Amino acid sequence: MSTLQRPRLRLRVSEKFGDTVQGEGPSTGVPACFIRLALCNLVCSPCDTPYTWDHARYDLRKEAHYESVEELLAWALDQPEDLGRFVWISWSLVRVCR
């Protein structure tokens, strides 16, 4: 009997970085790490990360890459304990690919 494998869910990631602090909102100053997903559809005027969505000025194929949910989880769990395991995921409507 053959075993069917479930396809791995992949997200388009613009960047991920850690061992920093949250810089805005009610959690300002809280140690954190971030996973910033690409292809935001909001186009907010004060946006500080246009390279995640502005295909007219940036090559999104170079600015983003795909990672599986499992890879992102492994990365987040590998962050320093003193971050309190806070992982902020920045996205709006994200295209998900298998």
N, C-alpha and C. Protein backbone atom coordinates (compact mmCIF):
# COMPACT_ATOMS: atom_id res chain seq x y z
N MET A 1 0.85 -1.17 0.00
CA MET A 1 0.00 0.00 0.00
C MET A 1 0.90 1.24 0.00
N SER A 2 0.66 2.17 -0.92
CA SER A 2 1.48 3.39 -0.97
C SER A 2 0.99 4.42 0.04
N THR A 3 1.90 5.20 0.50
CA THR A 3 1.58 6.25 1.46
C THR A 3 1.59 7.59 0.74
N LEU A 4 0.51 8.31 0.87
CA LEU A 4 0.45 9.64 0.26
C LEU A 4 1.02 10.65 1.24
N GLN A 5 1.93 11.50 0.74
CA GLN A 5 2.48 12.54 1.59
C GLN A 5 1.73 13.84 1.34
N ARG A 6 1.45 14.51 2.42
CA ARG A 6 0.79 15.80 2.33
C ARG A 6 1.81 16.84 1.85
N PRO A 7 1.45 17.67 0.87
CA PRO A 7 2.40 18.68 0.40
C PRO A 7 2.74 19.65 1.53
N ARG A 8 3.97 20.11 1.54
CA ARG A 8 4.40 21.05 2.56
C ARG A 8 3.90 22.44 2.21
N LEU A 9 3.28 23.10 3.16
CA LEU A 9 2.79 24.45 2.98
C LEU A 9 3.98 25.40 2.99
N ARG A 10 4.09 26.25 1.96
CA ARG A 10 5.20 27.19 1.88
C ARG A 10 4.66 28.61 1.85
N LEU A 11 5.38 29.51 2.50
CA LEU A 11 5.03 30.92 2.54
C LEU A 11 6.14 31.72 1.88
N ARG A 12 5.77 32.83 1.26
CA ARG A 12 6.78 33.69 0.64
C ARG A 12 7.29 34.65 1.71
N VAL A 13 8.55 34.52 2.05
CA VAL A 13 9.16 35.26 3.15
C VAL A 13 10.04 36.38 2.59
N SER A 14 9.83 37.58 3.11
CA SER A 14 10.68 38.70 2.72
C SER A 14 11.94 38.73 3.57
N GLU A 15 11.78 38.57 4.87
CA GLU A 15 12.93 38.54 5.75
C GLU A 15 12.54 37.96 7.10
N LYS A 16 13.55 37.54 7.83
CA LYS A 16 13.35 37.11 9.21
C LYS A 16 14.58 37.54 9.98
N PHE A 17 14.35 38.03 11.16
CA PHE A 17 15.46 38.50 11.97
C PHE A 17 15.07 38.39 13.43
N GLY A 18 16.08 38.26 14.26
CA GLY A 18 15.79 38.04 15.66
C GLY A 18 16.77 38.70 16.59
N ASP A 19 16.51 38.45 17.84
CA ASP A 19 17.26 39.05 18.92
C ASP A 19 17.22 40.57 18.82
N THR A 20 16.00 41.06 18.75
CA THR A 20 15.75 42.49 18.67
C THR A 20 14.56 42.80 19.59
N VAL A 21 14.02 44.00 19.51
CA VAL A 21 12.85 44.35 20.31
C VAL A 21 11.75 44.88 19.39
N GLN A 22 10.52 44.70 19.83
CA GLN A 22 9.38 45.25 19.11
C GLN A 22 9.48 46.77 19.19
N GLY A 23 9.34 47.45 18.06
CA GLY A 23 9.55 48.90 18.04
C GLY A 23 8.30 49.75 17.95
N GLU A 24 7.14 49.13 17.95
CA GLU A 24 5.92 49.93 17.82
C GLU A 24 4.75 49.25 18.52
N GLY A 25 3.71 50.03 18.77
CA GLY A 25 2.49 49.48 19.37
C GLY A 25 2.61 49.21 20.86
N PRO A 26 1.62 48.55 21.41
CA PRO A 26 1.59 48.30 22.86
C PRO A 26 2.69 47.37 23.36
N SER A 27 3.34 46.65 22.45
CA SER A 27 4.42 45.75 22.85
C SER A 27 5.81 46.36 22.64
N THR A 28 5.87 47.67 22.46
CA THR A 28 7.16 48.34 22.26
C THR A 28 8.12 47.97 23.38
N GLY A 29 9.33 47.59 22.99
CA GLY A 29 10.36 47.25 23.96
C GLY A 29 10.42 45.79 24.35
N VAL A 30 9.44 45.01 23.93
CA VAL A 30 9.41 43.59 24.26
C VAL A 30 10.42 42.85 23.38
N PRO A 31 11.32 42.04 23.95
CA PRO A 31 12.24 41.25 23.13
C PRO A 31 11.46 40.37 22.15
N ALA A 32 11.95 40.29 20.91
CA ALA A 32 11.19 39.56 19.89
C ALA A 32 12.07 39.16 18.72
N CYS A 33 11.52 38.30 17.89
CA CYS A 33 12.09 38.01 16.58
C CYS A 33 10.93 38.16 15.58
N PHE A 34 11.28 38.39 14.34
CA PHE A 34 10.27 38.70 13.33
C PHE A 34 10.37 37.81 12.11
N ILE A 35 9.22 37.47 11.56
CA ILE A 35 9.12 36.83 10.25
C ILE A 35 8.24 37.76 9.43
N ARG A 36 8.84 38.39 8.42
CA ARG A 36 8.08 39.32 7.59
C ARG A 36 7.77 38.63 6.27
N LEU A 37 6.50 38.42 6.02
CA LEU A 37 6.07 37.77 4.79
C LEU A 37 5.94 38.79 3.66
N ALA A 38 6.09 38.33 2.44
CA ALA A 38 6.04 39.21 1.27
C ALA A 38 4.62 39.29 0.72
N LEU A 39 4.45 40.21 -0.21
CA LEU A 39 3.23 40.40 -0.98
C LEU A 39 2.07 40.99 -0.18
N CYS A 40 2.38 41.92 0.70
CA CYS A 40 1.32 42.64 1.41
C CYS A 40 0.47 43.39 0.38
N ASN A 41 -0.82 43.44 0.60
CA ASN A 41 -1.71 44.10 -0.35
C ASN A 41 -2.26 45.43 0.16
N LEU A 42 -1.79 45.90 1.31
CA LEU A 42 -2.40 47.09 1.91
C LEU A 42 -1.87 48.40 1.36
N VAL A 43 -0.60 48.50 0.99
CA VAL A 43 0.02 49.70 0.43
C VAL A 43 -0.24 50.91 1.34
N CYS A 44 0.11 50.79 2.59
CA CYS A 44 -0.06 51.89 3.55
C CYS A 44 0.95 52.99 3.26
N SER A 45 0.54 54.24 3.33
CA SER A 45 1.45 55.34 3.02
C SER A 45 2.67 55.41 3.95
N PRO A 46 2.55 55.10 5.24
CA PRO A 46 3.76 55.16 6.08
C PRO A 46 4.59 53.86 6.07
N CYS A 47 4.36 52.98 5.12
CA CYS A 47 5.04 51.68 5.09
C CYS A 47 6.56 51.84 5.03
N ASP A 48 7.25 51.14 5.93
CA ASP A 48 8.71 51.20 5.94
C ASP A 48 9.34 49.98 5.26
N THR A 49 8.53 49.15 4.63
CA THR A 49 9.04 47.95 3.96
C THR A 49 8.42 47.78 2.56
N PRO A 50 8.56 48.79 1.69
CA PRO A 50 7.95 48.66 0.36
C PRO A 50 8.54 47.52 -0.46
N TYR A 51 9.73 47.05 -0.11
CA TYR A 51 10.35 45.94 -0.84
C TYR A 51 9.59 44.64 -0.64
N THR A 52 8.59 44.62 0.24
CA THR A 52 7.78 43.42 0.43
C THR A 52 6.58 43.38 -0.51
N TRP A 53 6.28 44.51 -1.18
CA TRP A 53 5.07 44.53 -2.01
C TRP A 53 5.18 45.36 -3.29
N ASP A 54 6.09 46.34 -3.37
CA ASP A 54 6.14 47.28 -4.48
C ASP A 54 6.93 46.73 -5.67
N HIS A 55 6.23 46.01 -6.54
CA HIS A 55 6.90 45.38 -7.68
C HIS A 55 7.32 46.38 -8.75
N ALA A 56 6.83 47.62 -8.67
CA ALA A 56 7.25 48.63 -9.63
C ALA A 56 8.67 49.12 -9.34
N ARG A 57 9.07 49.13 -8.07
CA ARG A 57 10.40 49.61 -7.69
C ARG A 57 11.36 48.51 -7.27
N TYR A 58 10.85 47.33 -6.94
CA TYR A 58 11.70 46.25 -6.44
C TYR A 58 11.42 44.96 -7.19
N ASP A 59 12.43 44.15 -7.34
CA ASP A 59 12.26 42.83 -7.95
C ASP A 59 11.89 41.85 -6.84
N LEU A 60 10.60 41.56 -6.71
CA LEU A 60 10.13 40.72 -5.61
C LEU A 60 10.67 39.30 -5.68
N ARG A 61 11.13 38.88 -6.86
CA ARG A 61 11.76 37.55 -6.96
C ARG A 61 13.09 37.54 -6.23
N LYS A 62 13.75 38.70 -6.15
CA LYS A 62 15.02 38.80 -5.43
C LYS A 62 14.81 39.16 -3.97
N GLU A 63 13.73 39.85 -3.68
CA GLU A 63 13.48 40.34 -2.33
C GLU A 63 12.82 39.30 -1.42
N ALA A 64 12.29 38.23 -2.01
CA ALA A 64 11.56 37.24 -1.20
C ALA A 64 11.93 35.84 -1.65
N HIS A 65 11.68 34.90 -0.78
CA HIS A 65 11.93 33.49 -1.07
C HIS A 65 10.86 32.65 -0.37
N TYR A 66 10.74 31.41 -0.74
CA TYR A 66 9.76 30.52 -0.13
C TYR A 66 10.40 29.69 0.97
N GLU A 67 9.66 29.52 2.06
CA GLU A 67 10.07 28.62 3.14
C GLU A 67 8.84 27.87 3.62
N SER A 68 9.07 26.65 4.03
CA SER A 68 7.94 25.87 4.55
C SER A 68 7.60 26.34 5.96
N VAL A 69 6.39 26.07 6.36
CA VAL A 69 5.95 26.40 7.71
C VAL A 69 6.84 25.69 8.72
N GLU A 70 7.23 24.46 8.40
CA GLU A 70 8.11 23.70 9.30
C GLU A 70 9.48 24.37 9.45
N GLU A 71 10.02 24.90 8.36
CA GLU A 71 11.31 25.59 8.42
C GLU A 71 11.20 26.87 9.26
N LEU A 72 10.12 27.60 9.08
CA LEU A 72 9.92 28.84 9.85
C LEU A 72 9.75 28.54 11.33
N LEU A 73 9.01 27.48 11.64
CA LEU A 73 8.83 27.10 13.04
C LEU A 73 10.17 26.69 13.66
N ALA A 74 10.96 25.91 12.93
CA ALA A 74 12.28 25.50 13.43
C ALA A 74 13.15 26.71 13.69
N TRP A 75 13.13 27.69 12.78
CA TRP A 75 13.91 28.91 12.97
C TRP A 75 13.46 29.66 14.21
N ALA A 76 12.15 29.81 14.37
CA ALA A 76 11.61 30.53 15.53
C ALA A 76 11.98 29.84 16.84
N LEU A 77 11.90 28.54 16.87
CA LEU A 77 12.23 27.80 18.09
C LEU A 77 13.73 27.81 18.38
N ASP A 78 14.53 28.13 17.39
CA ASP A 78 15.98 28.20 17.56
C ASP A 78 16.45 29.57 18.06
N GLN A 79 15.53 30.51 18.21
CA GLN A 79 15.89 31.84 18.69
C GLN A 79 16.20 31.79 20.19
N PRO A 80 17.00 32.75 20.68
CA PRO A 80 17.38 32.74 22.10
C PRO A 80 16.19 32.72 23.05
N GLU A 81 16.33 31.98 24.12
CA GLU A 81 15.26 31.85 25.12
C GLU A 81 14.85 33.19 25.71
N ASP A 82 15.80 34.14 25.82
CA ASP A 82 15.47 35.41 26.46
C ASP A 82 14.51 36.27 25.64
N LEU A 83 14.21 35.84 24.42
CA LEU A 83 13.19 36.54 23.65
C LEU A 83 11.79 36.21 24.15
N GLY A 84 11.71 35.28 25.08
CA GLY A 84 10.40 34.90 25.60
C GLY A 84 9.55 34.19 24.58
N ARG A 85 10.21 33.73 23.50
CA ARG A 85 9.52 33.00 22.42
C ARG A 85 8.46 33.85 21.72
N PHE A 86 8.62 35.19 21.74
CA PHE A 86 7.72 36.04 20.98
C PHE A 86 8.19 36.08 19.54
N VAL A 87 7.36 35.64 18.64
CA VAL A 87 7.66 35.70 17.22
C VAL A 87 6.54 36.50 16.57
N TRP A 88 6.90 37.61 15.99
CA TRP A 88 5.92 38.47 15.32
C TRP A 88 5.92 38.12 13.85
N ILE A 89 4.76 37.82 13.31
CA ILE A 89 4.63 37.51 11.89
C ILE A 89 3.89 38.66 11.24
N SER A 90 4.55 39.31 10.31
CA SER A 90 4.01 40.50 9.66
C SER A 90 3.47 40.12 8.29
N TRP A 91 2.18 40.31 8.08
CA TRP A 91 1.56 39.98 6.80
C TRP A 91 0.17 40.56 6.71
N SER A 92 -0.41 40.52 5.55
CA SER A 92 -1.83 40.84 5.39
C SER A 92 -2.43 39.70 4.58
N LEU A 93 -2.77 39.92 3.34
CA LEU A 93 -3.26 38.82 2.51
C LEU A 93 -2.08 38.23 1.77
N VAL A 94 -1.69 37.05 2.15
CA VAL A 94 -0.48 36.43 1.63
C VAL A 94 -0.84 35.31 0.68
N ARG A 95 -0.14 35.22 -0.43
CA ARG A 95 -0.34 34.09 -1.34
C ARG A 95 0.40 32.88 -0.80
N VAL A 96 -0.28 31.81 -0.67
CA VAL A 96 0.31 30.57 -0.16
C VAL A 96 0.48 29.61 -1.32
N CYS A 97 1.68 29.03 -1.41
CA CYS A 97 1.95 28.08 -2.50
C CYS A 97 2.29 26.72 -1.91
N ARG A 98 1.98 25.69 -2.64
CA ARG A 98 2.34 24.33 -2.21
C ARG A 98 3.44 23.82 -3.10
